[in-house]
Amino acid sequence: MQAGFVHSLAFNKDGSMLAAGCYDTTIRLWNMETREPVHALIGHTNFVLSVAFDPDSHILASGGGGKEIHLWQVSDGRMLETLRGHTNFVRCVVFSPDGKLLASASEDKTVRLWRLSDGALLHTFDGHSHGVTSLAFTPDGRYLVSGSRDTRLRVWSM
């Protein structure tokens, strides 16, 4: 399996598929049983820094240097939607445990919360003094935790 310069990796729920976000603006999907490529997803205008599968493994989210977030249909590699709002690199994307929400973290010092059913921006969380680099939902989905280059973790109530 070869993908060039890889910024991020994610497995789907059962580990049968691997996604790689690459410097060359593509996302590569592989079938892990056969180790064969499935799709090369093309649509980012800059490097891809983060990839994440939804809990049902039907949708892949990706973010990167182009400031946008793309949502992809895993089965056929089709781009479903582009979410815009960040003003700097998108460092991290993560789905809520129920798969209804997507959170994104950016160098613009914000965390944004999106509703997947219609792509609506639900909330922008401010509070970090430097770029936000990582996100995690609690297993029950009640909280979202963000990590930043400002050395702070912030806990946001959902």
N, C-alpha and C. Protein backbone atom coordinates (compact mmCIF):
# COMPACT_ATOMS: atom_id res chain seq x y z
N MET A 1 0.85 -1.17 0.00
CA MET A 1 0.00 0.00 0.00
C MET A 1 0.90 1.23 0.00
N GLN A 2 0.67 2.11 -0.95
CA GLN A 2 1.48 3.31 -1.06
C GLN A 2 0.56 4.51 -1.23
N ALA A 3 0.89 5.63 -0.51
CA ALA A 3 0.03 6.80 -0.57
C ALA A 3 0.80 8.11 -0.62
N GLY A 4 2.10 8.10 -0.61
CA GLY A 4 2.84 9.34 -0.55
C GLY A 4 2.87 9.88 0.88
N PHE A 5 3.01 11.18 1.03
CA PHE A 5 3.10 11.85 2.32
C PHE A 5 1.71 11.83 2.96
N VAL A 6 1.56 11.10 4.06
CA VAL A 6 0.27 10.92 4.73
C VAL A 6 0.22 11.77 6.00
N HIS A 7 -0.84 12.57 6.14
CA HIS A 7 -1.05 13.40 7.33
C HIS A 7 -1.93 12.72 8.37
N SER A 8 -2.88 11.89 7.94
CA SER A 8 -3.83 11.30 8.88
C SER A 8 -4.35 9.96 8.37
N LEU A 9 -4.73 9.12 9.34
CA LEU A 9 -5.26 7.80 9.03
C LEU A 9 -6.50 7.54 9.88
N ALA A 10 -7.43 6.76 9.34
CA ALA A 10 -8.61 6.34 10.11
C ALA A 10 -9.11 5.02 9.57
N PHE A 11 -9.50 4.14 10.50
CA PHE A 11 -10.18 2.89 10.14
C PHE A 11 -11.67 3.09 10.28
N ASN A 12 -12.43 2.36 9.47
CA ASN A 12 -13.88 2.33 9.68
C ASN A 12 -14.18 1.44 10.89
N LYS A 13 -15.44 1.34 11.24
CA LYS A 13 -15.86 0.69 12.48
C LYS A 13 -15.36 -0.75 12.64
N ASP A 14 -15.44 -1.53 11.58
CA ASP A 14 -15.04 -2.94 11.69
C ASP A 14 -13.60 -3.20 11.22
N GLY A 15 -12.88 -2.13 10.87
CA GLY A 15 -11.49 -2.28 10.46
C GLY A 15 -11.29 -2.81 9.06
N SER A 16 -12.35 -2.89 8.28
CA SER A 16 -12.23 -3.44 6.93
C SER A 16 -11.72 -2.42 5.91
N MET A 17 -11.78 -1.12 6.27
CA MET A 17 -11.35 -0.09 5.34
C MET A 17 -10.47 0.92 6.07
N LEU A 18 -9.43 1.39 5.37
CA LEU A 18 -8.51 2.39 5.88
C LEU A 18 -8.58 3.61 4.98
N ALA A 19 -8.64 4.80 5.59
CA ALA A 19 -8.58 6.05 4.85
C ALA A 19 -7.29 6.77 5.21
N ALA A 20 -6.64 7.35 4.21
CA ALA A 20 -5.41 8.12 4.42
C ALA A 20 -5.59 9.51 3.82
N GLY A 21 -5.41 10.54 4.64
CA GLY A 21 -5.44 11.92 4.17
C GLY A 21 -4.03 12.32 3.78
N CYS A 22 -3.85 12.77 2.56
CA CYS A 22 -2.51 12.94 1.99
C CYS A 22 -2.16 14.39 1.66
N TYR A 23 -0.87 14.63 1.61
CA TYR A 23 -0.32 15.94 1.27
C TYR A 23 -0.67 16.36 -0.15
N ASP A 24 -0.85 15.38 -1.03
CA ASP A 24 -1.12 15.69 -2.44
C ASP A 24 -2.58 16.07 -2.70
N THR A 25 -3.34 16.34 -1.67
CA THR A 25 -4.75 16.77 -1.68
C THR A 25 -5.75 15.63 -1.85
N THR A 26 -5.29 14.40 -1.91
CA THR A 26 -6.20 13.27 -2.09
C THR A 26 -6.44 12.54 -0.77
N ILE A 27 -7.48 11.73 -0.79
CA ILE A 27 -7.74 10.77 0.28
C ILE A 27 -7.76 9.42 -0.40
N ARG A 28 -7.01 8.48 0.14
CA ARG A 28 -6.95 7.14 -0.43
C ARG A 28 -7.69 6.18 0.50
N LEU A 29 -8.55 5.35 -0.08
CA LEU A 29 -9.26 4.32 0.68
C LEU A 29 -8.77 2.95 0.23
N TRP A 30 -8.52 2.07 1.22
CA TRP A 30 -8.08 0.71 0.94
C TRP A 30 -8.98 -0.30 1.62
N ASN A 31 -9.19 -1.42 0.92
CA ASN A 31 -9.81 -2.61 1.50
C ASN A 31 -8.70 -3.31 2.28
N MET A 32 -8.88 -3.47 3.58
CA MET A 32 -7.80 -4.02 4.40
C MET A 32 -7.64 -5.53 4.25
N GLU A 33 -8.68 -6.22 3.82
CA GLU A 33 -8.56 -7.66 3.61
C GLU A 33 -7.68 -7.96 2.40
N THR A 34 -7.91 -7.22 1.31
CA THR A 34 -7.17 -7.48 0.08
C THR A 34 -5.94 -6.57 -0.06
N ARG A 35 -5.89 -5.50 0.75
CA ARG A 35 -4.83 -4.48 0.67
C ARG A 35 -4.85 -3.75 -0.68
N GLU A 36 -5.99 -3.78 -1.33
CA GLU A 36 -6.16 -3.14 -2.63
C GLU A 36 -6.84 -1.78 -2.46
N PRO A 37 -6.48 -0.80 -3.32
CA PRO A 37 -7.15 0.50 -3.27
C PRO A 37 -8.62 0.37 -3.67
N VAL A 38 -9.46 1.15 -3.02
CA VAL A 38 -10.89 1.17 -3.31
C VAL A 38 -11.25 2.45 -4.07
N HIS A 39 -10.86 3.60 -3.51
CA HIS A 39 -11.14 4.89 -4.13
C HIS A 39 -9.98 5.84 -3.86
N ALA A 40 -9.79 6.79 -4.77
CA ALA A 40 -8.98 7.98 -4.51
C ALA A 40 -9.96 9.14 -4.57
N LEU A 41 -10.16 9.79 -3.43
CA LEU A 41 -11.14 10.87 -3.34
C LEU A 41 -10.44 12.19 -3.65
N ILE A 42 -10.98 12.90 -4.64
CA ILE A 42 -10.36 14.13 -5.13
C ILE A 42 -11.36 15.26 -4.98
N GLY A 43 -10.92 16.36 -4.36
CA GLY A 43 -11.80 17.51 -4.19
C GLY A 43 -11.22 18.58 -3.29
N HIS A 44 -10.21 18.21 -2.50
CA HIS A 44 -9.55 19.21 -1.66
C HIS A 44 -8.63 20.08 -2.52
N THR A 45 -8.47 21.33 -2.11
CA THR A 45 -7.59 22.25 -2.83
C THR A 45 -6.22 22.36 -2.19
N ASN A 46 -6.03 21.69 -1.05
CA ASN A 46 -4.77 21.74 -0.34
C ASN A 46 -4.65 20.42 0.43
N PHE A 47 -3.55 20.22 1.14
CA PHE A 47 -3.30 18.96 1.84
C PHE A 47 -4.45 18.58 2.78
N VAL A 48 -4.60 17.28 3.03
CA VAL A 48 -5.67 16.75 3.89
C VAL A 48 -5.05 16.38 5.24
N LEU A 49 -5.47 17.09 6.29
CA LEU A 49 -4.88 16.91 7.61
C LEU A 49 -5.64 15.95 8.51
N SER A 50 -6.92 15.70 8.21
CA SER A 50 -7.72 14.86 9.10
C SER A 50 -8.79 14.12 8.32
N VAL A 51 -8.97 12.84 8.67
CA VAL A 51 -10.04 12.02 8.11
C VAL A 51 -10.72 11.27 9.25
N ALA A 52 -12.03 11.04 9.12
CA ALA A 52 -12.78 10.31 10.14
C ALA A 52 -14.00 9.66 9.50
N PHE A 53 -14.26 8.40 9.88
CA PHE A 53 -15.46 7.70 9.45
C PHE A 53 -16.58 7.97 10.45
N ASP A 54 -17.81 8.05 9.96
CA ASP A 54 -18.95 8.13 10.87
C ASP A 54 -19.13 6.77 11.54
N PRO A 55 -19.89 6.69 12.63
CA PRO A 55 -20.03 5.42 13.36
C PRO A 55 -20.57 4.26 12.54
N ASP A 56 -21.35 4.55 11.49
CA ASP A 56 -21.88 3.49 10.63
C ASP A 56 -21.00 3.18 9.43
N SER A 57 -19.90 3.91 9.28
CA SER A 57 -18.94 3.73 8.19
C SER A 57 -19.52 4.02 6.81
N HIS A 58 -20.57 4.83 6.74
CA HIS A 58 -21.15 5.21 5.46
C HIS A 58 -20.58 6.52 4.92
N ILE A 59 -20.15 7.39 5.85
CA ILE A 59 -19.66 8.71 5.47
C ILE A 59 -18.24 8.89 6.00
N LEU A 60 -17.41 9.54 5.20
CA LEU A 60 -16.06 9.92 5.61
C LEU A 60 -16.01 11.44 5.60
N ALA A 61 -15.51 12.03 6.67
CA ALA A 61 -15.28 13.47 6.73
C ALA A 61 -13.79 13.73 6.58
N SER A 62 -13.46 14.86 5.94
CA SER A 62 -12.05 15.22 5.78
C SER A 62 -11.90 16.73 5.87
N GLY A 63 -10.78 17.14 6.44
CA GLY A 63 -10.47 18.56 6.56
C GLY A 63 -9.00 18.78 6.31
N GLY A 64 -8.65 20.03 5.97
CA GLY A 64 -7.24 20.27 5.70
C GLY A 64 -6.89 21.71 5.45
N GLY A 65 -5.89 21.89 4.60
CA GLY A 65 -5.32 23.19 4.34
C GLY A 65 -6.20 24.12 3.53
N GLY A 66 -7.22 23.60 2.91
CA GLY A 66 -8.12 24.44 2.12
C GLY A 66 -9.22 25.10 2.93
N LYS A 67 -9.25 24.87 4.25
CA LYS A 67 -10.19 25.49 5.20
C LYS A 67 -11.59 24.89 5.15
N GLU A 68 -11.86 24.02 4.20
CA GLU A 68 -13.19 23.42 4.10
C GLU A 68 -13.18 22.00 4.65
N ILE A 69 -14.38 21.49 4.89
CA ILE A 69 -14.58 20.10 5.31
C ILE A 69 -15.42 19.45 4.22
N HIS A 70 -14.97 18.28 3.78
CA HIS A 70 -15.74 17.54 2.79
C HIS A 70 -16.34 16.31 3.44
N LEU A 71 -17.56 15.99 3.01
CA LEU A 71 -18.23 14.75 3.42
C LEU A 71 -18.35 13.88 2.18
N TRP A 72 -17.93 12.61 2.33
CA TRP A 72 -17.86 11.68 1.20
C TRP A 72 -18.72 10.45 1.47
N GLN A 73 -19.35 9.93 0.42
CA GLN A 73 -20.06 8.65 0.47
C GLN A 73 -19.00 7.57 0.32
N VAL A 74 -18.84 6.73 1.33
CA VAL A 74 -17.78 5.73 1.31
C VAL A 74 -18.00 4.69 0.22
N SER A 75 -19.24 4.29 -0.01
CA SER A 75 -19.51 3.19 -0.96
C SER A 75 -19.06 3.49 -2.38
N ASP A 76 -19.21 4.74 -2.82
CA ASP A 76 -18.84 5.05 -4.21
C ASP A 76 -17.83 6.19 -4.35
N GLY A 77 -17.38 6.77 -3.23
CA GLY A 77 -16.37 7.83 -3.27
C GLY A 77 -16.89 9.18 -3.69
N ARG A 78 -18.21 9.33 -3.77
CA ARG A 78 -18.82 10.58 -4.21
C ARG A 78 -18.80 11.63 -3.10
N MET A 79 -18.46 12.88 -3.44
CA MET A 79 -18.51 13.96 -2.47
C MET A 79 -19.98 14.34 -2.25
N LEU A 80 -20.40 14.33 -1.00
CA LEU A 80 -21.78 14.63 -0.66
C LEU A 80 -22.00 16.11 -0.38
N GLU A 81 -21.05 16.71 0.32
CA GLU A 81 -21.25 18.09 0.76
C GLU A 81 -19.91 18.71 1.15
N THR A 82 -19.85 20.03 1.08
CA THR A 82 -18.70 20.79 1.56
C THR A 82 -19.19 21.76 2.62
N LEU A 83 -18.55 21.72 3.79
CA LEU A 83 -18.90 22.61 4.89
C LEU A 83 -17.84 23.71 4.96
N ARG A 84 -18.30 24.95 4.98
CA ARG A 84 -17.39 26.09 5.00
C ARG A 84 -17.68 26.98 6.20
N GLY A 85 -16.63 27.60 6.73
CA GLY A 85 -16.80 28.51 7.85
C GLY A 85 -15.49 28.81 8.55
N HIS A 86 -14.59 27.84 8.57
CA HIS A 86 -13.29 28.07 9.18
C HIS A 86 -12.49 29.06 8.32
N THR A 87 -11.61 29.81 8.97
CA THR A 87 -10.81 30.79 8.25
C THR A 87 -9.33 30.42 8.20
N ASN A 88 -9.01 29.19 8.64
CA ASN A 88 -7.64 28.69 8.59
C ASN A 88 -7.72 27.17 8.48
N PHE A 89 -6.57 26.51 8.43
CA PHE A 89 -6.51 25.06 8.26
C PHE A 89 -7.44 24.33 9.22
N VAL A 90 -8.09 23.29 8.73
CA VAL A 90 -8.89 22.40 9.57
C VAL A 90 -7.97 21.26 9.99
N ARG A 91 -7.65 21.21 11.28
CA ARG A 91 -6.69 20.24 11.82
C ARG A 91 -7.33 18.91 12.20
N CYS A 92 -8.61 18.92 12.56
CA CYS A 92 -9.22 17.70 13.07
C CYS A 92 -10.72 17.69 12.78
N VAL A 93 -11.23 16.53 12.42
CA VAL A 93 -12.68 16.30 12.30
C VAL A 93 -13.02 15.05 13.08
N VAL A 94 -14.18 15.07 13.75
CA VAL A 94 -14.60 13.92 14.54
C VAL A 94 -16.13 13.86 14.58
N PHE A 95 -16.68 12.66 14.46
CA PHE A 95 -18.13 12.45 14.53
C PHE A 95 -18.55 12.20 15.97
N SER A 96 -19.76 12.65 16.30
CA SER A 96 -20.34 12.32 17.60
C SER A 96 -20.64 10.82 17.61
N PRO A 97 -20.75 10.22 18.80
CA PRO A 97 -20.99 8.77 18.88
C PRO A 97 -22.27 8.32 18.17
N ASP A 98 -23.30 9.18 18.13
CA ASP A 98 -24.54 8.79 17.44
C ASP A 98 -24.51 9.11 15.95
N GLY A 99 -23.43 9.74 15.48
CA GLY A 99 -23.27 10.03 14.06
C GLY A 99 -24.10 11.19 13.54
N LYS A 100 -24.77 11.93 14.41
CA LYS A 100 -25.63 13.03 13.98
C LYS A 100 -24.89 14.35 13.85
N LEU A 101 -23.74 14.46 14.53
CA LEU A 101 -22.97 15.71 14.54
C LEU A 101 -21.54 15.47 14.09
N LEU A 102 -20.94 16.52 13.58
CA LEU A 102 -19.53 16.52 13.24
C LEU A 102 -18.90 17.73 13.90
N ALA A 103 -17.77 17.55 14.55
CA ALA A 103 -17.02 18.66 15.12
C ALA A 103 -15.74 18.83 14.32
N SER A 104 -15.33 20.08 14.17
CA SER A 104 -14.09 20.38 13.45
C SER A 104 -13.26 21.37 14.27
N ALA A 105 -11.94 21.20 14.20
CA ALA A 105 -11.00 22.05 14.91
C ALA A 105 -10.09 22.72 13.90
N SER A 106 -9.74 23.98 14.18
CA SER A 106 -8.99 24.74 13.19
C SER A 106 -7.88 25.59 13.80
N GLU A 107 -6.94 25.95 12.94
CA GLU A 107 -5.92 26.92 13.30
C GLU A 107 -6.52 28.30 13.52
N ASP A 108 -7.80 28.51 13.18
CA ASP A 108 -8.45 29.80 13.43
C ASP A 108 -8.88 29.95 14.89
N LYS A 109 -8.46 28.99 15.75
CA LYS A 109 -8.69 29.01 17.20
C LYS A 109 -10.11 28.64 17.60
N THR A 110 -10.87 28.07 16.67
CA THR A 110 -12.26 27.70 16.97
C THR A 110 -12.51 26.22 16.79
N VAL A 111 -13.60 25.79 17.42
CA VAL A 111 -14.19 24.48 17.21
C VAL A 111 -15.59 24.74 16.68
N ARG A 112 -15.95 24.05 15.63
CA ARG A 112 -17.29 24.24 15.06
C ARG A 112 -18.04 22.93 15.13
N LEU A 113 -19.34 23.06 15.37
CA LEU A 113 -20.22 21.91 15.48
C LEU A 113 -21.25 21.97 14.37
N TRP A 114 -21.32 20.89 13.58
CA TRP A 114 -22.17 20.82 12.39
C TRP A 114 -23.22 19.73 12.55
N ARG A 115 -24.42 19.97 12.06
CA ARG A 115 -25.47 18.94 12.01
C ARG A 115 -25.36 18.25 10.65
N LEU A 116 -25.23 16.94 10.65
CA LEU A 116 -25.01 16.22 9.39
C LEU A 116 -26.25 16.12 8.51
N SER A 117 -27.42 16.11 9.09
CA SER A 117 -28.62 15.93 8.28
C SER A 117 -28.80 17.02 7.23
N ASP A 118 -28.34 18.24 7.53
CA ASP A 118 -28.49 19.33 6.57
C ASP A 118 -27.24 20.20 6.41
N GLY A 119 -26.14 19.83 7.08
CA GLY A 119 -24.89 20.58 6.96
C GLY A 119 -24.88 21.91 7.70
N ALA A 120 -25.87 22.14 8.56
CA ALA A 120 -25.98 23.41 9.26
C ALA A 120 -24.89 23.56 10.33
N LEU A 121 -24.33 24.76 10.42
CA LEU A 121 -23.41 25.09 11.49
C LEU A 121 -24.26 25.39 12.72
N LEU A 122 -24.11 24.57 13.76
CA LEU A 122 -24.91 24.73 14.97
C LEU A 122 -24.28 25.68 15.97
N HIS A 123 -22.96 25.64 16.08
CA HIS A 123 -22.30 26.46 17.08
C HIS A 123 -20.81 26.59 16.77
N THR A 124 -20.26 27.74 17.13
CA THR A 124 -18.82 27.95 17.08
C THR A 124 -18.34 28.17 18.50
N PHE A 125 -17.42 27.32 18.94
CA PHE A 125 -16.84 27.42 20.28
C PHE A 125 -15.54 28.21 20.20
N ASP A 126 -15.49 29.31 20.94
CA ASP A 126 -14.29 30.13 21.04
C ASP A 126 -13.71 29.95 22.43
N GLY A 127 -12.44 30.25 22.59
CA GLY A 127 -11.84 30.19 23.91
C GLY A 127 -10.37 29.83 23.89
N HIS A 128 -9.92 29.20 22.82
CA HIS A 128 -8.50 28.89 22.72
C HIS A 128 -7.75 30.12 22.21
N SER A 129 -6.51 30.29 22.65
CA SER A 129 -5.71 31.42 22.21
C SER A 129 -4.75 31.08 21.07
N HIS A 130 -4.70 29.79 20.71
CA HIS A 130 -3.89 29.32 19.57
C HIS A 130 -4.72 28.30 18.79
N GLY A 131 -4.16 27.81 17.71
CA GLY A 131 -4.86 26.85 16.88
C GLY A 131 -5.30 25.61 17.64
N VAL A 132 -6.48 25.11 17.29
CA VAL A 132 -7.01 23.90 17.90
C VAL A 132 -6.59 22.71 17.04
N THR A 133 -5.98 21.71 17.68
CA THR A 133 -5.36 20.62 16.94
C THR A 133 -6.01 19.26 17.12
N SER A 134 -6.84 19.11 18.15
CA SER A 134 -7.41 17.78 18.40
C SER A 134 -8.76 17.88 19.07
N LEU A 135 -9.58 16.85 18.84
CA LEU A 135 -10.94 16.78 19.38
C LEU A 135 -11.29 15.36 19.76
N ALA A 136 -12.15 15.21 20.77
CA ALA A 136 -12.70 13.90 21.12
C ALA A 136 -14.04 14.10 21.80
N PHE A 137 -15.02 13.32 21.38
CA PHE A 137 -16.30 13.26 22.08
C PHE A 137 -16.19 12.25 23.20
N THR A 138 -16.89 12.50 24.31
CA THR A 138 -17.00 11.46 25.33
C THR A 138 -17.87 10.35 24.74
N PRO A 139 -17.71 9.11 25.22
CA PRO A 139 -18.47 8.00 24.65
C PRO A 139 -19.99 8.19 24.68
N ASP A 140 -20.50 8.93 25.67
CA ASP A 140 -21.94 9.16 25.73
C ASP A 140 -22.37 10.37 24.90
N GLY A 141 -21.42 11.10 24.30
CA GLY A 141 -21.73 12.23 23.45
C GLY A 141 -22.14 13.50 24.18
N ARG A 142 -22.05 13.51 25.50
CA ARG A 142 -22.48 14.68 26.26
C ARG A 142 -21.47 15.82 26.24
N TYR A 143 -20.20 15.49 25.98
CA TYR A 143 -19.15 16.51 25.99
C TYR A 143 -18.22 16.33 24.80
N LEU A 144 -17.64 17.44 24.40
CA LEU A 144 -16.61 17.46 23.37
C LEU A 144 -15.40 18.11 24.02
N VAL A 145 -14.23 17.49 23.87
CA VAL A 145 -13.00 18.03 24.43
C VAL A 145 -12.10 18.46 23.27
N SER A 146 -11.53 19.66 23.41
CA SER A 146 -10.62 20.16 22.39
C SER A 146 -9.25 20.41 23.01
N GLY A 147 -8.22 20.16 22.22
CA GLY A 147 -6.85 20.41 22.62
C GLY A 147 -6.23 21.41 21.67
N SER A 148 -5.33 22.25 22.21
CA SER A 148 -4.79 23.34 21.42
C SER A 148 -3.30 23.52 21.65
N ARG A 149 -2.69 24.26 20.74
CA ARG A 149 -1.29 24.64 20.92
C ARG A 149 -1.12 25.63 22.07
N ASP A 150 -2.23 26.12 22.63
CA ASP A 150 -2.15 27.00 23.81
C ASP A 150 -1.94 26.22 25.10
N THR A 151 -1.75 24.91 24.99
CA THR A 151 -1.52 23.95 26.08
C THR A 151 -2.75 23.71 26.94
N ARG A 152 -3.92 24.10 26.48
CA ARG A 152 -5.15 23.94 27.23
C ARG A 152 -6.05 22.88 26.61
N LEU A 153 -6.74 22.16 27.47
CA LEU A 153 -7.86 21.33 27.05
C LEU A 153 -9.13 22.06 27.47
N ARG A 154 -10.10 22.09 26.61
CA ARG A 154 -11.38 22.71 26.94
C ARG A 154 -12.46 21.66 26.79
N VAL A 155 -13.40 21.67 27.73
CA VAL A 155 -14.53 20.73 27.72
C VAL A 155 -15.78 21.51 27.40
N TRP A 156 -16.45 21.12 26.32
CA TRP A 156 -17.65 21.80 25.84
C TRP A 156 -18.85 20.89 26.06
N SER A 157 -19.90 21.41 26.66
CA SER A 157 -21.12 20.65 26.88
C SER A 157 -21.94 20.61 25.60
N MET A 158 -22.44 19.45 25.27
CA MET A 158 -23.27 19.31 24.07
C MET A 158 -24.73 19.52 24.42
